[in-house]
Amino acid sequence: MLSVEGLRAGYSGSLVLQGIDFELDADDCIALVGRNGMGKTTFVRSLLGLVDIYDGRVGFDGADLRRLRTYQIAAMGIGWVPEGRLIFTRLSVEENLAATARRGLWTTSAVYEIFPALAERRHHRGWQLSGGEQQMLAIGRALMTNPRLLVVDEATEGLAPVMAERLWEVFTLLRSRGQSLLIIDRNLDSLARIARRFLVMEKGRIAWNGDIARFQAERPSVEAYLGIAAKSSGA
């Protein structure tokens, strides 16, 4: 489905990604983790045509995404839940959802089914929603594009634990329905519940790559990349 080879990308001539190789198959779920500033969001933005690509290939079902504009990439089936939500704050919940709608199984009613709170606030403007409700709306907007691949960038950051857990329940539901996912997050335990593979990004490169079994066996190594201190065994 998604194939990235030798990707070098950045901003205004400044190199951030230094040769990324990456494969994501249909019905796959990959967790992309790493400390702040290591290039995770730049990688996501490179898939969507939002940063300068200096070298390499980005393919989606055989099409070269480098030749396409962002709206064309979205039309091909890549949905994006961006860091920072980026909803239309002056539009209502219903208008936000309608703005990205494409034909498919995901309709306004389907989004309201998994996010009842949005149904209750369908006429509220984006700025009137809580942070958690805005994040629900950001996910709902992405689903309304009926994506074949959903890319989720730090969706649970800054949310109350109960709200974050609700979002993980939704991601689990999406996986059970066969939705392909690329998720950036810091919660390793929650990621391990749904991811088939983990990738660790370090200074613009993939420093560690393994399936869920390898992740469980080598978790301390992954945590070291993330700056998570090893737990003391006590005396």
Protein backbone atom coordinates (compact mmCIF):
# COMPACT_ATOMS: atom_id res chain seq x y z
CA MET A 1 0.00 0.00 0.00
CA LEU A 2 2.50 2.64 1.20
CA SER A 3 6.14 2.39 0.18
CA VAL A 4 8.88 4.87 1.08
CA GLU A 5 12.43 4.47 -0.21
CA GLY A 6 15.46 6.60 0.65
CA LEU A 7 13.34 9.57 1.68
CA ARG A 8 15.27 12.76 2.35
CA ALA A 9 13.10 15.73 3.23
CA GLY A 10 13.01 18.93 5.25
CA TYR A 11 12.24 22.62 5.21
CA SER A 12 13.77 25.41 3.11
CA GLY A 13 16.91 23.44 2.34
CA SER A 14 17.36 22.15 5.90
CA LEU A 15 17.49 18.34 5.91
CA VAL A 16 15.38 16.59 8.57
CA LEU A 17 14.74 13.10 7.18
CA GLN A 18 17.97 11.41 6.21
CA GLY A 19 17.07 8.35 4.18
CA ILE A 20 13.85 6.75 5.41
CA ASP A 21 12.80 3.30 4.18
CA PHE A 22 9.31 2.27 5.16
CA GLU A 23 6.58 -0.19 4.14
CA LEU A 24 2.99 -0.35 5.30
CA ASP A 25 0.65 -3.01 3.93
CA ALA A 26 -3.13 -3.01 3.69
CA ASP A 27 -4.80 -3.90 7.01
CA ASP A 28 -1.60 -2.99 8.86
CA CYS A 29 -1.04 -0.89 11.97
CA ILE A 30 2.36 0.65 12.59
CA ALA A 31 3.42 2.65 15.64
CA LEU A 32 5.98 5.37 14.97
CA VAL A 33 7.68 6.58 18.14
CA GLY A 34 10.61 8.76 19.11
CA ARG A 35 11.59 11.73 21.21
CA ASN A 36 10.51 15.24 20.28
CA GLY A 37 12.33 16.76 17.33
CA MET A 38 13.40 13.46 15.76
CA GLY A 39 11.41 13.90 12.55
CA LYS A 40 8.15 12.00 13.13
CA THR A 41 5.81 14.82 12.17
CA THR A 42 8.06 15.82 9.28
CA PHE A 43 7.77 12.26 8.00
CA VAL A 44 3.99 12.40 8.16
CA ARG A 45 3.93 15.77 6.43
CA SER A 46 6.21 14.42 3.70
CA LEU A 47 3.60 11.77 2.89
CA LEU A 48 1.06 14.53 2.37
CA GLY A 49 3.17 16.81 0.20
CA LEU A 50 3.57 19.43 2.92
CA VAL A 51 7.39 19.56 3.14
CA ASP A 52 10.22 19.70 0.63
CA ILE A 53 11.34 16.27 -0.60
CA TYR A 54 14.93 16.33 -1.84
CA ASP A 55 15.41 12.68 -2.74
CA GLY A 56 13.75 9.29 -2.56
CA ARG A 57 10.38 7.83 -3.46
CA VAL A 58 6.99 7.97 -1.76
CA GLY A 59 4.53 5.54 -3.34
CA PHE A 60 0.91 4.71 -2.56
CA ASP A 61 -0.56 1.82 -4.52
CA GLY A 62 2.08 2.38 -7.17
CA ALA A 63 1.41 6.10 -7.59
CA ASP A 64 4.25 8.56 -6.98
CA LEU A 65 2.95 10.92 -4.28
CA ARG A 66 5.73 13.39 -5.00
CA ARG A 67 3.89 14.36 -8.17
CA LEU A 68 0.59 15.04 -6.41
CA ARG A 69 -0.86 17.92 -4.43
CA THR A 70 -2.14 17.42 -0.90
CA TYR A 71 -5.82 17.30 -1.92
CA GLN A 72 -5.00 14.68 -4.56
CA ILE A 73 -3.16 12.58 -1.98
CA ALA A 74 -6.19 12.77 0.30
CA ALA A 75 -8.44 11.74 -2.58
CA MET A 76 -6.28 8.65 -3.12
CA GLY A 77 -7.16 7.47 0.37
CA ILE A 78 -4.76 8.90 2.97
CA GLY A 79 -6.54 10.51 5.91
CA TRP A 80 -4.72 12.66 8.45
CA VAL A 81 -5.37 13.51 12.08
CA PRO A 82 -2.80 16.29 12.56
CA GLU A 83 -0.96 17.25 15.68
CA GLY A 84 -2.79 20.26 17.11
CA ARG A 85 -6.18 19.15 15.66
CA LEU A 86 -6.52 21.98 13.08
CA ILE A 87 -10.32 21.91 12.98
CA PHE A 88 -12.32 24.81 11.56
CA THR A 89 -13.07 26.65 14.80
CA ARG A 90 -15.69 28.98 13.27
CA LEU A 91 -17.68 26.15 11.73
CA SER A 92 -20.10 23.87 13.56
CA VAL A 93 -19.34 20.23 14.26
CA GLU A 94 -21.67 19.22 11.44
CA GLU A 95 -20.07 21.69 9.02
CA ASN A 96 -16.58 20.46 9.92
CA LEU A 97 -17.58 16.90 9.10
CA ALA A 98 -19.32 17.88 5.87
CA ALA A 99 -16.25 19.82 4.73
CA THR A 100 -14.16 16.65 4.28
CA ALA A 101 -16.89 14.17 3.32
CA ARG A 102 -16.30 11.66 0.53
CA ARG A 103 -18.52 8.76 -0.44
CA GLY A 104 -18.06 5.62 1.59
CA LEU A 105 -19.00 3.82 4.78
CA TRP A 106 -18.03 6.74 7.00
CA THR A 107 -20.92 9.18 7.13
CA THR A 108 -21.90 11.81 9.67
CA SER A 109 -24.17 9.26 11.35
CA ALA A 110 -21.34 6.72 11.54
CA VAL A 111 -19.03 9.28 13.16
CA TYR A 112 -21.75 10.22 15.66
CA GLU A 113 -22.15 6.53 16.49
CA ILE A 114 -18.56 6.25 17.73
CA PHE A 115 -18.50 9.78 19.16
CA PRO A 116 -21.94 10.42 20.73
CA ALA A 117 -20.63 13.60 22.34
CA LEU A 118 -20.25 15.13 18.89
CA ALA A 119 -23.86 14.29 18.05
CA GLU A 120 -24.96 16.16 21.15
CA ARG A 121 -22.90 19.18 20.07
CA ARG A 122 -23.49 19.00 16.34
CA HIS A 123 -24.55 22.64 16.16
CA HIS A 124 -21.74 23.94 18.39
CA ARG A 125 -18.86 25.78 16.75
CA GLY A 126 -15.38 24.30 16.96
CA TRP A 127 -14.15 26.90 19.42
CA GLN A 128 -16.97 25.98 21.82
CA LEU A 129 -15.75 22.40 22.20
CA SER A 130 -13.43 21.05 24.88
CA GLY A 131 -9.97 19.84 23.91
CA GLY A 132 -11.14 16.24 23.94
CA GLU A 133 -14.18 17.03 21.82
CA GLN A 134 -12.01 18.91 19.34
CA GLN A 135 -9.80 15.84 19.04
CA MET A 136 -12.84 13.65 18.44
CA LEU A 137 -13.86 16.06 15.71
CA ALA A 138 -10.38 15.95 14.15
CA ILE A 139 -10.60 12.16 14.00
CA GLY A 140 -14.15 12.33 12.68
CA ARG A 141 -13.12 14.74 9.93
CA ALA A 142 -10.35 12.37 8.85
CA LEU A 143 -12.73 9.40 8.83
CA MET A 144 -15.20 11.35 6.68
CA THR A 145 -12.65 11.21 3.87
CA ASN A 146 -13.16 7.42 3.99
CA PRO A 147 -9.42 6.79 4.06
CA ARG A 148 -7.73 3.53 3.20
CA LEU A 149 -4.84 4.64 5.42
CA LEU A 150 -5.42 6.78 8.50
CA VAL A 151 -2.38 8.68 9.82
CA VAL A 152 -2.74 9.82 13.44
CA ASP A 153 -0.22 12.29 14.88
CA GLU A 154 -0.17 12.62 18.70
CA ALA A 155 -3.96 12.43 19.04
CA THR A 156 -3.92 11.80 22.81
CA GLU A 157 -1.34 14.44 23.74
CA GLY A 158 -2.52 16.72 26.53
CA LEU A 159 -5.84 14.94 27.05
CA ALA A 160 -7.24 13.74 30.36
CA PRO A 161 -6.62 10.01 30.89
CA VAL A 162 -10.30 9.12 30.54
CA MET A 163 -10.53 10.95 27.22
CA ALA A 164 -7.27 9.44 25.95
CA GLU A 165 -8.54 5.96 26.81
CA ARG A 166 -11.75 6.66 24.90
CA LEU A 167 -9.70 7.48 21.81
CA TRP A 168 -7.70 4.26 22.18
CA GLU A 169 -11.00 2.37 22.28
CA VAL A 170 -11.92 4.01 18.98
CA PHE A 171 -8.56 3.12 17.41
CA THR A 172 -9.06 -0.47 18.59
CA LEU A 173 -12.50 -0.47 16.97
CA LEU A 174 -11.04 0.84 13.72
CA ARG A 175 -8.45 -1.93 13.73
CA SER A 176 -11.16 -4.54 14.26
CA ARG A 177 -12.82 -3.19 11.10
CA GLY A 178 -9.63 -3.56 9.08
CA GLN A 179 -8.60 0.09 9.00
CA SER A 180 -4.92 0.57 8.14
CA LEU A 181 -3.25 2.88 10.65
CA LEU A 182 0.01 4.74 11.13
CA ILE A 183 0.01 6.12 14.67
CA ILE A 184 2.45 8.48 16.35
CA ASP A 185 2.04 8.48 20.12
CA ARG A 186 4.00 8.19 23.36
CA ASN A 187 1.88 5.61 25.15
CA LEU A 188 3.73 2.36 24.48
CA ASP A 189 1.25 0.21 26.40
CA SER A 190 -1.72 1.46 24.39
CA LEU A 191 0.19 1.24 21.12
CA ALA A 192 1.16 -2.36 21.90
CA ARG A 193 -2.53 -3.29 22.10
CA ILE A 194 -3.13 -2.53 18.43
CA ALA A 195 0.18 -2.17 16.56
CA ARG A 196 1.69 -4.97 14.51
CA ARG A 197 5.04 -3.22 14.21
CA PHE A 198 7.01 -0.51 15.96
CA LEU A 199 9.41 1.94 14.34
CA VAL A 200 11.69 4.20 16.38
CA MET A 201 12.83 7.43 14.76
CA GLU A 202 16.14 8.94 15.88
CA LYS A 203 17.64 12.05 14.27
CA GLY A 204 15.72 11.66 11.04
CA ARG A 205 16.41 7.94 10.60
CA ILE A 206 14.65 4.70 11.51
CA ALA A 207 16.84 3.47 14.35
CA TRP A 208 14.79 0.43 15.38
CA ASN A 209 12.21 -1.63 13.50
CA GLY A 210 10.44 -4.72 14.75
CA ASP A 211 7.16 -6.59 15.01
CA ILE A 212 5.16 -6.68 18.23
CA ALA A 213 6.93 -9.83 19.49
CA ARG A 214 10.33 -8.21 19.05
CA PHE A 215 9.07 -5.03 20.69
CA GLN A 216 7.93 -6.97 23.76
CA ALA A 217 11.27 -8.79 23.94
CA GLU A 218 13.39 -5.66 23.42
CA ARG A 219 11.19 -3.05 25.05
CA PRO A 220 14.00 -1.68 27.27
CA SER A 221 15.98 -0.86 24.12
CA VAL A 222 13.01 0.99 22.65
CA GLU A 223 12.47 2.86 25.91
CA ALA A 224 16.13 3.88 25.93
CA TYR A 225 15.66 5.57 22.55
CA LEU A 226 12.70 7.43 24.01
CA GLY A 227 14.60 8.53 27.08
CA ILE A 228 12.48 6.44 29.44
CA ALA A 229 14.56 5.52 32.47
CA ALA A 230 14.77 1.84 33.31
CA LYS A 231 12.79 0.83 36.37
CA SER A 232 14.89 -0.02 39.38
CA SER A 233 14.60 -3.60 40.54
CA GLY A 234 15.14 -2.53 44.14
CA ALA A 235 17.39 -4.10 46.75
